[in-house]
Amino acid sequence: MTHTLRAVERFGVTVTDAGDGRVRVEGPIRHEPDDVLDHGNAGTGIRLTSGMCAGIDGISVLTGDRFLRRRPMERIAAPLRMMGASVDGREAQPLSLRSPQQPIQRGERTG
C-alpha cells in the first residue's frame, strides 16, 4: 500500500495514518502528479490512480516494478479511452495518460 499512498500524495493531497490500518486522505486534488507515479507491484493501486489521472487536467505517467510492468494494461486503458482520456504506451507500463479536454461528468460516457 505504500506505493499507492505515495502516488496519491503526488496529486497534492495529504495522506496520514489514521490507525488500525486506515489512512486519511485530505484536500482536493490540486494538480497533475508532480512526478512519475511508481506503483511498485501494486496492481490495484495503478488501476485506482489511473482513474484519478483520467479525471484531472494534465498528463500523468504511471509505472511499476519489473513484475507489474509485465502485466497487460489494456483492461485499464480501454475504459479510460471510452471516458475520453488519451492513453499511450506499450501493452504494459509505463503508461502516459492525458485527461479529456472537457471534464467528465458523472455517468457520462464518451466515444
PDB file of N, CA and C in Angstrom:
ATOM      1  N   MET A   1       0.812  -1.179   0.000  1.00  0.00           N
ATOM      2  CA  MET A   1       0.000   0.000   0.000  1.00  0.00           C
ATOM      3  C   MET A   1       0.869   1.262   0.000  1.00  0.00           C
ATOM      4  N   THR A   2       2.099   1.152   0.392  1.00  0.00           N
ATOM      5  CA  THR A   2       2.979   2.314   0.465  1.00  0.00           C
ATOM      6  C   THR A   2       3.131   3.003  -0.879  1.00  0.00           C
ATOM      7  N   HIS A   3       3.323   2.230  -1.961  1.00  0.00           N
ATOM      8  CA  HIS A   3       3.476   2.831  -3.286  1.00  0.00           C
ATOM      9  C   HIS A   3       2.211   3.577  -3.699  1.00  0.00           C
ATOM     10  N   THR A   4       1.064   3.009  -3.406  1.00  0.00           N
ATOM     11  CA  THR A   4      -0.199   3.657  -3.768  1.00  0.00           C
ATOM     12  C   THR A   4      -0.365   4.966  -3.001  1.00  0.00           C
ATOM     13  N   LEU A   5      -0.050   4.966  -1.722  1.00  0.00           N
ATOM     14  CA  LEU A   5      -0.172   6.191  -0.926  1.00  0.00           C
ATOM     15  C   LEU A   5       0.773   7.267  -1.421  1.00  0.00           C
ATOM     16  N   ARG A   6       1.993   6.889  -1.755  1.00  0.00           N
ATOM     17  CA  ARG A   6       2.943   7.867  -2.298  1.00  0.00           C
ATOM     18  C   ARG A   6       2.432   8.429  -3.623  1.00  0.00           C
ATOM     19  N   ALA A   7       1.842   7.557  -4.442  1.00  0.00           N
ATOM     20  CA  ALA A   7       1.298   8.015  -5.726  1.00  0.00           C
ATOM     21  C   ALA A   7       0.183   9.026  -5.499  1.00  0.00           C
ATOM     22  N   VAL A   8      -0.697   8.761  -4.554  1.00  0.00           N
ATOM     23  CA  VAL A   8      -1.806   9.674  -4.266  1.00  0.00           C
ATOM     24  C   VAL A   8      -1.273  11.021  -3.761  1.00  0.00           C
ATOM     25  N   GLU A   9      -0.221  11.000  -2.966  1.00  0.00           N
ATOM     26  CA  GLU A   9       0.369  12.247  -2.463  1.00  0.00           C
ATOM     27  C   GLU A   9       0.902  13.126  -3.590  1.00  0.00           C
ATOM     28  N   ARG A  10       1.291  12.522  -4.702  1.00  0.00           N
ATOM     29  CA  ARG A  10       1.825  13.279  -5.839  1.00  0.00           C
ATOM     30  C   ARG A  10       0.786  14.222  -6.456  1.00  0.00           C
ATOM     31  N   PHE A  11      -0.499  14.033  -6.117  1.00  0.00           N
ATOM     32  CA  PHE A  11      -1.563  14.911  -6.612  1.00  0.00           C
ATOM     33  C   PHE A  11      -1.748  16.141  -5.732  1.00  0.00           C
ATOM     34  N   GLY A  12      -0.961  16.262  -4.654  1.00  0.00           N
ATOM     35  CA  GLY A  12      -1.043  17.430  -3.784  1.00  0.00           C
ATOM     36  C   GLY A  12      -1.972  17.275  -2.599  1.00  0.00           C
ATOM     37  N   VAL A  13      -2.433  16.053  -2.319  1.00  0.00           N
ATOM     38  CA  VAL A  13      -3.274  15.827  -1.148  1.00  0.00           C
ATOM     39  C   VAL A  13      -2.398  15.369   0.022  1.00  0.00           C
ATOM     40  N   THR A  14      -2.963  15.403   1.208  1.00  0.00           N
ATOM     41  CA  THR A  14      -2.256  14.966   2.408  1.00  0.00           C
ATOM     42  C   THR A  14      -2.756  13.587   2.800  1.00  0.00           C
ATOM     43  N   VAL A  15      -1.831  12.665   3.024  1.00  0.00           N
ATOM     44  CA  VAL A  15      -2.166  11.311   3.448  1.00  0.00           C
ATOM     45  C   VAL A  15      -1.552  11.092   4.830  1.00  0.00           C
ATOM     46  N   THR A  16      -2.394  10.735   5.809  1.00  0.00           N
ATOM     47  CA  THR A  16      -1.904  10.498   7.164  1.00  0.00           C
ATOM     48  C   THR A  16      -2.401   9.146   7.670  1.00  0.00           C
ATOM     49  N   ASP A  17      -1.675   8.590   8.626  1.00  0.00           N
ATOM     50  CA  ASP A  17      -2.040   7.329   9.261  1.00  0.00           C
ATOM     51  C   ASP A  17      -3.177   7.591  10.236  1.00  0.00           C
ATOM     52  N   ALA A  18      -4.317   6.940  10.034  1.00  0.00           N
ATOM     53  CA  ALA A  18      -5.474   7.108  10.912  1.00  0.00           C
ATOM     54  C   ALA A  18      -5.560   5.992  11.946  1.00  0.00           C
ATOM     55  N   GLY A  19      -4.573   5.099  11.961  1.00  0.00           N
ATOM     56  CA  GLY A  19      -4.562   3.993  12.917  1.00  0.00           C
ATOM     57  C   GLY A  19      -5.392   2.819  12.462  1.00  0.00           C
ATOM     58  N   ASP A  20      -5.165   1.684  13.091  1.00  0.00           N
ATOM     59  CA  ASP A  20      -5.907   0.451  12.794  1.00  0.00           C
ATOM     60  C   ASP A  20      -5.876   0.079  11.320  1.00  0.00           C
ATOM     61  N   GLY A  21      -4.760   0.365  10.638  1.00  0.00           N
ATOM     62  CA  GLY A  21      -4.633   0.001   9.232  1.00  0.00           C
ATOM     63  C   GLY A  21      -5.378   0.924   8.278  1.00  0.00           C
ATOM     64  N   ARG A  22      -5.868   2.052   8.770  1.00  0.00           N
ATOM     65  CA  ARG A  22      -6.600   3.006   7.941  1.00  0.00           C
ATOM     66  C   ARG A  22      -5.738   4.234   7.667  1.00  0.00           C
ATOM     67  N   VAL A  23      -6.034   4.889   6.568  1.00  0.00           N
ATOM     68  CA  VAL A  23      -5.367   6.154   6.246  1.00  0.00           C
ATOM     69  C   VAL A  23      -6.421   7.216   5.989  1.00  0.00           C
ATOM     70  N   ARG A  24      -6.004   8.455   6.141  1.00  0.00           N
ATOM     71  CA  ARG A  24      -6.898   9.583   5.867  1.00  0.00           C
ATOM     72  C   ARG A  24      -6.288  10.380   4.714  1.00  0.00           C
ATOM     73  N   VAL A  25      -7.090  10.623   3.701  1.00  0.00           N
ATOM     74  CA  VAL A  25      -6.672  11.439   2.561  1.00  0.00           C
ATOM     75  C   VAL A  25      -7.454  12.741   2.643  1.00  0.00           C
ATOM     76  N   GLU A  26      -6.718  13.861   2.723  1.00  0.00           N
ATOM     77  CA  GLU A  26      -7.369  15.158   2.900  1.00  0.00           C
ATOM     78  C   GLU A  26      -6.957  16.130   1.802  1.00  0.00           C
ATOM     79  N   GLY A  27      -7.922  16.953   1.433  1.00  0.00           N
ATOM     80  CA  GLY A  27      -7.667  18.005   0.465  1.00  0.00           C
ATOM     81  C   GLY A  27      -8.080  17.598  -0.929  1.00  0.00           C
ATOM     82  N   PRO A  28      -8.388  18.596  -1.728  1.00  0.00           N
ATOM     83  CA  PRO A  28      -8.736  18.314  -3.121  1.00  0.00           C
ATOM     84  C   PRO A  28      -7.488  17.968  -3.929  1.00  0.00           C
ATOM     85  N   ILE A  29      -7.692  17.266  -5.013  1.00  0.00           N
ATOM     86  CA  ILE A  29      -6.584  17.037  -5.951  1.00  0.00           C
ATOM     87  C   ILE A  29      -6.288  18.380  -6.581  1.00  0.00           C
ATOM     88  N   ARG A  30      -5.105  18.887  -6.336  1.00  0.00           N
ATOM     89  CA  ARG A  30      -4.769  20.256  -6.740  1.00  0.00           C
ATOM     90  C   ARG A  30      -4.157  20.351  -8.128  1.00  0.00           C
ATOM     91  N   HIS A  31      -3.520  19.290  -8.570  1.00  0.00           N
ATOM     92  CA  HIS A  31      -2.766  19.378  -9.830  1.00  0.00           C
ATOM     93  C   HIS A  31      -2.450  17.979 -10.341  1.00  0.00           C
ATOM     94  N   GLU A  32      -1.954  17.948 -11.574  1.00  0.00           N
ATOM     95  CA  GLU A  32      -1.473  16.676 -12.097  1.00  0.00           C
ATOM     96  C   GLU A  32      -0.330  16.206 -11.201  1.00  0.00           C
ATOM     97  N   PRO A  33      -0.018  14.922 -11.211  1.00  0.00           N
ATOM     98  CA  PRO A  33       1.089  14.434 -10.379  1.00  0.00           C
ATOM     99  C   PRO A  33       2.380  15.185 -10.698  1.00  0.00           C
ATOM    100  N   ASP A  34       3.176  15.442  -9.660  1.00  0.00           N
ATOM    101  CA  ASP A  34       4.408  16.195  -9.849  1.00  0.00           C
ATOM    102  C   ASP A  34       5.591  15.317 -10.232  1.00  0.00           C
ATOM    103  N   ASP A  35       5.353  14.031 -10.444  1.00  0.00           N
ATOM    104  CA  ASP A  35       6.414  13.108 -10.851  1.00  0.00           C
ATOM    105  C   ASP A  35       5.746  11.844 -11.398  1.00  0.00           C
ATOM    106  N   VAL A  36       6.549  10.941 -11.903  1.00  0.00           N
ATOM    107  CA  VAL A  36       6.051   9.646 -12.370  1.00  0.00           C
ATOM    108  C   VAL A  36       5.425   8.919 -11.179  1.00  0.00           C
ATOM    109  N   LEU A  37       4.290   8.273 -11.391  1.00  0.00           N
ATOM    110  CA  LEU A  37       3.618   7.507 -10.344  1.00  0.00           C
ATOM    111  C   LEU A  37       4.145   6.070 -10.374  1.00  0.00           C
ATOM    112  N   ASP A  38       5.043   5.768  -9.471  1.00  0.00           N
ATOM    113  CA  ASP A  38       5.645   4.431  -9.378  1.00  0.00           C
ATOM    114  C   ASP A  38       4.828   3.610  -8.390  1.00  0.00           C
ATOM    115  N   HIS A  39       4.186   2.558  -8.885  1.00  0.00           N
ATOM    116  CA  HIS A  39       3.298   1.744  -8.061  1.00  0.00           C
ATOM    117  C   HIS A  39       3.953   0.476  -7.525  1.00  0.00           C
ATOM    118  N   GLY A  40       5.261   0.323  -7.734  1.00  0.00           N
ATOM    119  CA  GLY A  40       5.892  -0.908  -7.251  1.00  0.00           C
ATOM    120  C   GLY A  40       5.184  -2.096  -7.874  1.00  0.00           C
ATOM    121  N   ASN A  41       4.667  -3.003  -7.046  1.00  0.00           N
ATOM    122  CA  ASN A  41       3.940  -4.174  -7.540  1.00  0.00           C
ATOM    123  C   ASN A  41       2.449  -4.071  -7.201  1.00  0.00           C
ATOM    124  N   ALA A  42       1.934  -2.855  -7.039  1.00  0.00           N
ATOM    125  CA  ALA A  42       0.547  -2.643  -6.617  1.00  0.00           C
ATOM    126  C   ALA A  42      -0.386  -2.530  -7.820  1.00  0.00           C
ATOM    127  N   GLY A  43      -0.910  -3.653  -8.261  1.00  0.00           N
ATOM    128  CA  GLY A  43      -1.835  -3.678  -9.393  1.00  0.00           C
ATOM    129  C   GLY A  43      -3.119  -2.922  -9.112  1.00  0.00           C
ATOM    130  N   THR A  44      -3.665  -3.074  -7.913  1.00  0.00           N
ATOM    131  CA  THR A  44      -4.877  -2.337  -7.552  1.00  0.00           C
ATOM    132  C   THR A  44      -4.598  -0.845  -7.517  1.00  0.00           C
ATOM    133  N   GLY A  45      -3.456  -0.468  -6.990  1.00  0.00           N
ATOM    134  CA  GLY A  45      -3.095   0.941  -6.912  1.00  0.00           C
ATOM    135  C   GLY A  45      -3.004   1.600  -8.275  1.00  0.00           C
ATOM    136  N   ILE A  46      -2.393   0.920  -9.248  1.00  0.00           N
ATOM    137  CA  ILE A  46      -2.255   1.513 -10.580  1.00  0.00           C
ATOM    138  C   ILE A  46      -3.622   1.642 -11.245  1.00  0.00           C
ATOM    139  N   ARG A  47      -4.522   0.723 -10.967  1.00  0.00           N
ATOM    140  CA  ARG A  47      -5.869   0.814 -11.525  1.00  0.00           C
ATOM    141  C   ARG A  47      -6.629   1.997 -10.914  1.00  0.00           C
ATOM    142  N   LEU A  48      -6.537   2.157  -9.607  1.00  0.00           N
ATOM    143  CA  LEU A  48      -7.234   3.264  -8.936  1.00  0.00           C
ATOM    144  C   LEU A  48      -6.689   4.616  -9.368  1.00  0.00           C
ATOM    145  N   THR A  49      -5.381   4.770  -9.366  1.00  0.00           N
ATOM    146  CA  THR A  49      -4.829   6.082  -9.687  1.00  0.00           C
ATOM    147  C   THR A  49      -4.946   6.407 -11.175  1.00  0.00           C
ATOM    148  N   SER A  50      -5.033   5.406 -12.033  1.00  0.00           N
ATOM    149  CA  SER A  50      -5.231   5.710 -13.456  1.00  0.00           C
ATOM    150  C   SER A  50      -6.581   6.386 -13.664  1.00  0.00           C
ATOM    151  N   GLY A  51      -7.581   5.971 -12.913  1.00  0.00           N
ATOM    152  CA  GLY A  51      -8.881   6.634 -12.986  1.00  0.00           C
ATOM    153  C   GLY A  51      -8.813   8.063 -12.477  1.00  0.00           C
ATOM    154  N   MET A  52      -8.036   8.284 -11.419  1.00  0.00           N
ATOM    155  CA  MET A  52      -7.841   9.647 -10.914  1.00  0.00           C
ATOM    156  C   MET A  52      -7.179  10.510 -11.980  1.00  0.00           C
ATOM    157  N   CYS A  53      -6.161   9.956 -12.628  1.00  0.00           N
ATOM    158  CA  CYS A  53      -5.424  10.703 -13.648  1.00  0.00           C
ATOM    159  C   CYS A  53      -6.323  11.094 -14.811  1.00  0.00           C
ATOM    160  N   ALA A  54      -7.224  10.206 -15.190  1.00  0.00           N
ATOM    161  CA  ALA A  54      -8.115  10.483 -16.315  1.00  0.00           C
ATOM    162  C   ALA A  54      -9.121  11.572 -15.979  1.00  0.00           C
ATOM    163  N   GLY A  55      -9.342  11.806 -14.691  1.00  0.00           N
ATOM    164  CA  GLY A  55     -10.343  12.778 -14.283  1.00  0.00           C
ATOM    165  C   GLY A  55      -9.804  14.157 -13.943  1.00  0.00           C
ATOM    166  N   ILE A  56      -8.497  14.369 -14.087  1.00  0.00           N
ATOM    167  CA  ILE A  56      -7.928  15.681 -13.780  1.00  0.00           C
ATOM    168  C   ILE A  56      -7.275  16.259 -15.025  1.00  0.00           C
ATOM    169  N   ASP A  57      -7.083  17.555 -15.022  1.00  0.00           N
ATOM    170  CA  ASP A  57      -6.449  18.221 -16.144  1.00  0.00           C
ATOM    171  C   ASP A  57      -4.947  17.991 -16.074  1.00  0.00           C
ATOM    172  N   GLY A  58      -4.375  17.459 -17.133  1.00  0.00           N
ATOM    173  CA  GLY A  58      -2.931  17.290 -17.165  1.00  0.00           C
ATOM    174  C   GLY A  58      -2.497  15.957 -17.732  1.00  0.00           C
ATOM    175  N   ILE A  59      -1.205  15.721 -17.610  1.00  0.00           N
ATOM    176  CA  ILE A  59      -0.578  14.494 -18.110  1.00  0.00           C
ATOM    177  C   ILE A  59      -0.003  13.739 -16.927  1.00  0.00           C
ATOM    178  N   SER A  60      -0.179  12.428 -16.920  1.00  0.00           N
ATOM    179  CA  SER A  60       0.338  11.580 -15.852  1.00  0.00           C
ATOM    180  C   SER A  60       1.063  10.395 -16.478  1.00  0.00           C
ATOM    181  N   VAL A  61       2.132   9.963 -15.833  1.00  0.00           N
ATOM    182  CA  VAL A  61       2.869   8.777 -16.263  1.00  0.00           C
ATOM    183  C   VAL A  61       2.843   7.780 -15.113  1.00  0.00           C
ATOM    184  N   LEU A  62       2.396   6.561 -15.419  1.00  0.00           N
ATOM    185  CA  LEU A  62       2.286   5.513 -14.410  1.00  0.00           C
ATOM    186  C   LEU A  62       3.196   4.353 -14.773  1.00  0.00           C
ATOM    187  N   THR A  63       3.859   3.789 -13.772  1.00  0.00           N
ATOM    188  CA  THR A  63       4.723   2.637 -13.987  1.00  0.00           C
ATOM    189  C   THR A  63       4.726   1.787 -12.723  1.00  0.00           C
ATOM    190  N   GLY A  64       5.501   0.723 -12.761  1.00  0.00           N
ATOM    191  CA  GLY A  64       5.625  -0.170 -11.611  1.00  0.00           C
ATOM    192  C   GLY A  64       6.946  -0.900 -11.657  1.00  0.00           C
ATOM    193  N   ASP A  65       7.092  -1.877 -10.783  1.00  0.00           N
ATOM    194  CA  ASP A  65       8.328  -2.654 -10.767  1.00  0.00           C
ATOM    195  C   ASP A  65       8.357  -3.623 -11.953  1.00  0.00           C
ATOM    196  N   ARG A  66       9.401  -4.399 -12.065  1.00  0.00           N
ATOM    197  CA  ARG A  66       9.550  -5.277 -13.234  1.00  0.00           C
ATOM    198  C   ARG A  66       8.429  -6.302 -13.344  1.00  0.00           C
ATOM    199  N   PHE A  67       7.807  -6.665 -12.232  1.00  0.00           N
ATOM    200  CA  PHE A  67       6.700  -7.623 -12.274  1.00  0.00           C
ATOM    201  C   PHE A  67       5.407  -6.950 -12.739  1.00  0.00           C
ATOM    202  N   LEU A  68       5.129  -5.785 -12.213  1.00  0.00           N
ATOM    203  CA  LEU A  68       3.923  -5.058 -12.627  1.00  0.00           C
ATOM    204  C   LEU A  68       4.025  -4.623 -14.087  1.00  0.00           C
ATOM    205  N   ARG A  69       5.221  -4.279 -14.536  1.00  0.00           N
ATOM    206  CA  ARG A  69       5.396  -3.850 -15.931  1.00  0.00           C
ATOM    207  C   ARG A  69       5.141  -4.981 -16.918  1.00  0.00           C
ATOM    208  N   ARG A  70       5.097  -6.215 -16.467  1.00  0.00           N
ATOM    209  CA  ARG A  70       4.778  -7.346 -17.358  1.00  0.00           C
ATOM    210  C   ARG A  70       3.273  -7.556 -17.522  1.00  0.00           C
ATOM    211  N   ARG A  71       2.485  -6.987 -16.634  1.00  0.00           N
ATOM    212  CA  ARG A  71       1.037  -7.206 -16.684  1.00  0.00           C
ATOM    213  C   ARG A  71       0.408  -6.377 -17.794  1.00  0.00           C
ATOM    214  N   PRO A  72      -0.518  -6.975 -18.534  1.00  0.00           N
ATOM    215  CA  PRO A  72      -1.191  -6.220 -19.602  1.00  0.00           C
ATOM    216  C   PRO A  72      -2.041  -5.100 -19.023  1.00  0.00           C
ATOM    217  N   MET A  73      -2.061  -3.975 -19.711  1.00  0.00           N
ATOM    218  CA  MET A  73      -2.779  -2.799 -19.232  1.00  0.00           C
ATOM    219  C   MET A  73      -3.973  -2.424 -20.095  1.00  0.00           C
ATOM    220  N   GLU A  74      -4.255  -3.175 -21.125  1.00  0.00           N
ATOM    221  CA  GLU A  74      -5.380  -2.828 -21.996  1.00  0.00           C
ATOM    222  C   GLU A  74      -6.705  -2.839 -21.232  1.00  0.00           C
ATOM    223  N   ARG A  75      -6.830  -3.704 -20.229  1.00  0.00           N
ATOM    224  CA  ARG A  75      -8.057  -3.733 -19.418  1.00  0.00           C
ATOM    225  C   ARG A  75      -8.265  -2.423 -18.681  1.00  0.00           C
ATOM    226  N   ILE A  76      -7.189  -1.710 -18.419  1.00  0.00           N
ATOM    227  CA  ILE A  76      -7.276  -0.392 -17.802  1.00  0.00           C
ATOM    228  C   ILE A  76      -7.448   0.670 -18.881  1.00  0.00           C
ATOM    229  N   ALA A  77      -6.674   0.568 -19.939  1.00  0.00           N
ATOM    230  CA  ALA A  77      -6.636   1.597 -20.979  1.00  0.00           C
ATOM    231  C   ALA A  77      -7.966   1.729 -21.723  1.00  0.00           C
ATOM    232  N   ALA A  78      -8.610   0.626 -22.040  1.00  0.00           N
ATOM    233  CA  ALA A  78      -9.843   0.673 -22.840  1.00  0.00           C
ATOM    234  C   ALA A  78     -10.941   1.510 -22.180  1.00  0.00           C
ATOM    235  N   PRO A  79     -11.282   1.282 -20.910  1.00  0.00           N
ATOM    236  CA  PRO A  79     -12.324   2.118 -20.291  1.00  0.00           C
ATOM    237  C   PRO A  79     -11.921   3.592 -20.177  1.00  0.00           C
ATOM    238  N   LEU A  80     -10.628   3.840 -19.948  1.00  0.00           N
ATOM    239  CA  LEU A  80     -10.173   5.227 -19.855  1.00  0.00           C
ATOM    240  C   LEU A  80     -10.339   5.931 -21.198  1.00  0.00           C
ATOM    241  N   ARG A  81     -10.056   5.215 -22.277  1.00  0.00           N
ATOM    242  CA  ARG A  81     -10.265   5.794 -23.622  1.00  0.00           C
ATOM    243  C   ARG A  81     -11.752   6.054 -23.863  1.00  0.00           C
ATOM    244  N   MET A  82     -12.603   5.167 -23.377  1.00  0.00           N
ATOM    245  CA  MET A  82     -14.049   5.368 -23.530  1.00  0.00           C
ATOM    246  C   MET A  82     -14.507   6.626 -22.792  1.00  0.00           C
ATOM    247  N   MET A  83     -13.785   6.992 -21.738  1.00  0.00           N
ATOM    248  CA  MET A  83     -14.087   8.203 -20.981  1.00  0.00           C
ATOM    249  C   MET A  83     -13.535   9.441 -21.672  1.00  0.00           C
ATOM    250  N   GLY A  84     -12.754   9.243 -22.735  1.00  0.00           N
ATOM    251  CA  GLY A  84     -12.194  10.366 -23.466  1.00  0.00           C
ATOM    252  C   GLY A  84     -10.741  10.649 -23.174  1.00  0.00           C
ATOM    253  N   ALA A  85     -10.123   9.866 -22.300  1.00  0.00           N
ATOM    254  CA  ALA A  85      -8.709  10.067 -21.969  1.00  0.00           C
ATOM    255  C   ALA A  85      -7.829   9.523 -23.089  1.00  0.00           C
ATOM    256  N   SER A  86      -6.685  10.135 -23.257  1.00  0.00           N
ATOM    257  CA  SER A  86      -5.674   9.647 -24.192  1.00  0.00           C
ATOM    258  C   SER A  86      -4.714   8.762 -23.403  1.00  0.00           C
ATOM    259  N   VAL A  87      -4.537   7.531 -23.848  1.00  0.00           N
ATOM    260  CA  VAL A  87      -3.654   6.588 -23.159  1.00  0.00           C
ATOM    261  C   VAL A  87      -2.609   6.106 -24.152  1.00  0.00           C
ATOM    262  N   ASP A  88      -1.359   6.361 -23.836  1.00  0.00           N
ATOM    263  CA  ASP A  88      -0.256   5.942 -24.691  1.00  0.00           C
ATOM    264  C   ASP A  88       0.670   5.025 -23.914  1.00  0.00           C
ATOM    265  N   GLY A  89       1.255   4.090 -24.628  1.00  0.00           N
ATOM    266  CA  GLY A  89       2.205   3.166 -24.011  1.00  0.00           C
ATOM    267  C   GLY A  89       2.201   1.856 -24.750  1.00  0.00           C
ATOM    268  N   ARG A  90       2.988   0.969 -24.248  1.00  0.00           N
ATOM    269  CA  ARG A  90       3.035  -0.371 -24.821  1.00  0.00           C
ATOM    270  C   ARG A  90       1.909  -1.198 -24.225  1.00  0.00           C
ATOM    271  N   GLU A  91       1.955  -2.481 -24.443  1.00  0.00           N
ATOM    272  CA  GLU A  91       0.958  -3.400 -23.876  1.00  0.00           C
ATOM    273  C   GLU A  91       0.936  -3.301 -22.347  1.00  0.00           C
ATOM    274  N   ALA A  92       2.087  -3.013 -21.762  1.00  0.00           N
ATOM    275  CA  ALA A  92       2.204  -2.877 -20.308  1.00  0.00           C
ATOM    276  C   ALA A  92       2.688  -1.461 -19.992  1.00  0.00           C
ATOM    277  N   GLN A  93       3.125  -1.218 -18.755  1.00  0.00           N
ATOM    278  CA  GLN A  93       3.615   0.110 -18.414  1.00  0.00           C
ATOM    279  C   GLN A  93       5.015   0.312 -18.986  1.00  0.00           C
ATOM    280  N   PRO A  94       5.458   1.546 -18.971  1.00  0.00           N
ATOM    281  CA  PRO A  94       4.768   2.721 -18.430  1.00  0.00           C
ATOM    282  C   PRO A  94       3.645   3.196 -19.344  1.00  0.00           C
ATOM    283  N   LEU A  95       2.661   3.812 -18.732  1.00  0.00           N
ATOM    284  CA  LEU A  95       1.537   4.403 -19.451  1.00  0.00           C
ATOM    285  C   LEU A  95       1.581   5.908 -19.287  1.00  0.00           C
ATOM    286  N   SER A  96       1.208   6.608 -20.331  1.00  0.00           N
ATOM    287  CA  SER A  96       1.051   8.051 -20.282  1.00  0.00           C
ATOM    288  C   SER A  96      -0.428   8.350 -20.469  1.00  0.00           C
ATOM    289  N   LEU A  97      -0.996   9.090 -19.541  1.00  0.00           N
ATOM    290  CA  LEU A  97      -2.418   9.432 -19.589  1.00  0.00           C
ATOM    291  C   LEU A  97      -2.592  10.940 -19.704  1.00  0.00           C
ATOM    292  N   ARG A  98      -3.458  11.336 -20.611  1.00  0.00           N
ATOM    293  CA  ARG A  98      -3.838  12.747 -20.718  1.00  0.00           C
ATOM    294  C   ARG A  98      -5.347  12.783 -20.564  1.00  0.00           C
ATOM    295  N   SER A  99      -5.799  13.649 -19.683  1.00  0.00           N
ATOM    296  CA  SER A  99      -7.233  13.737 -19.427  1.00  0.00           C
ATOM    297  C   SER A  99      -7.950  14.317 -20.637  1.00  0.00           C
ATOM    298  N   PRO A 100      -9.263  14.084 -20.733  1.00  0.00           N
ATOM    299  CA  PRO A 100     -10.033  14.677 -21.827  1.00  0.00           C
ATOM    300  C   PRO A 100     -10.012  16.198 -21.736  1.00  0.00           C
ATOM    301  N   GLN A 101     -10.256  16.858 -22.850  1.00  0.00           N
ATOM    302  CA  GLN A 101     -10.281  18.320 -22.861  1.00  0.00           C
ATOM    303  C   GLN A 101     -11.409  18.862 -21.995  1.00  0.00           C
ATOM    304  N   GLN A 102     -12.540  18.198 -21.987  1.00  0.00           N
ATOM    305  CA  GLN A 102     -13.675  18.608 -21.174  1.00  0.00           C
ATOM    306  C   GLN A 102     -13.761  17.692 -19.958  1.00  0.00           C
ATOM    307  N   PRO A 103     -14.082  18.226 -18.790  1.00  0.00           N
ATOM    308  CA  PRO A 103     -14.221  17.380 -17.611  1.00  0.00           C
ATOM    309  C   PRO A 103     -15.284  16.307 -17.827  1.00  0.00           C
ATOM    310  N   ILE A 104     -15.072  15.154 -17.268  1.00  0.00           N
ATOM    311  CA  ILE A 104     -16.005  14.051 -17.360  1.00  0.00           C
ATOM    312  C   ILE A 104     -17.107  14.264 -16.333  1.00  0.00           C
ATOM    313  N   GLN A 105     -18.354  14.210 -16.759  1.00  0.00           N
ATOM    314  CA  GLN A 105     -19.475  14.361 -15.851  1.00  0.00           C
ATOM    315  C   GLN A 105     -19.869  12.985 -15.341  1.00  0.00           C
ATOM    316  N   ARG A 106     -20.361  12.921 -14.134  1.00  0.00           N
ATOM    317  CA  ARG A 106     -20.767  11.662 -13.543  1.00  0.00           C
ATOM    318  C   ARG A 106     -21.781  10.958 -14.451  1.00  0.00           C
ATOM    319  N   GLY A 107     -21.500   9.697 -14.742  1.00  0.00           N
ATOM    320  CA  GLY A 107     -22.408   8.901 -15.564  1.00  0.00           C
ATOM    321  C   GLY A 107     -22.260   9.134 -17.045  1.00  0.00           C
ATOM    322  N   GLU A 108     -21.396  10.065 -17.453  1.00  0.00           N
ATOM    323  CA  GLU A 108     -21.222  10.391 -18.871  1.00  0.00           C
ATOM    324  C   GLU A 108     -20.259   9.394 -19.500  1.00  0.00           C
ATOM    325  N   ARG A 109     -20.552   9.012 -20.706  1.00  0.00           N
ATOM    326  CA  ARG A 109     -19.665   8.125 -21.454  1.00  0.00           C
ATOM    327  C   ARG A 109     -19.407   8.769 -22.793  1.00  0.00           C
ATOM    328  N   THR A 110     -18.129   8.814 -23.175  1.00  0.00           N
ATOM    329  CA  THR A 110     -17.780   9.378 -24.473  1.00  0.00           C
ATOM    330  C   THR A 110     -17.319   8.278 -25.394  1.00  0.00           C
ATOM    331  N   GLY A 111     -17.255   8.586 -26.679  1.00  0.00           N
ATOM    332  CA  GLY A 111     -16.696   7.638 -27.645  1.00  0.00           C
ATOM    333  C   GLY A 111     -17.613   6.545 -28.067  1.00  0.00           C
TER     334      GLY A 111
END
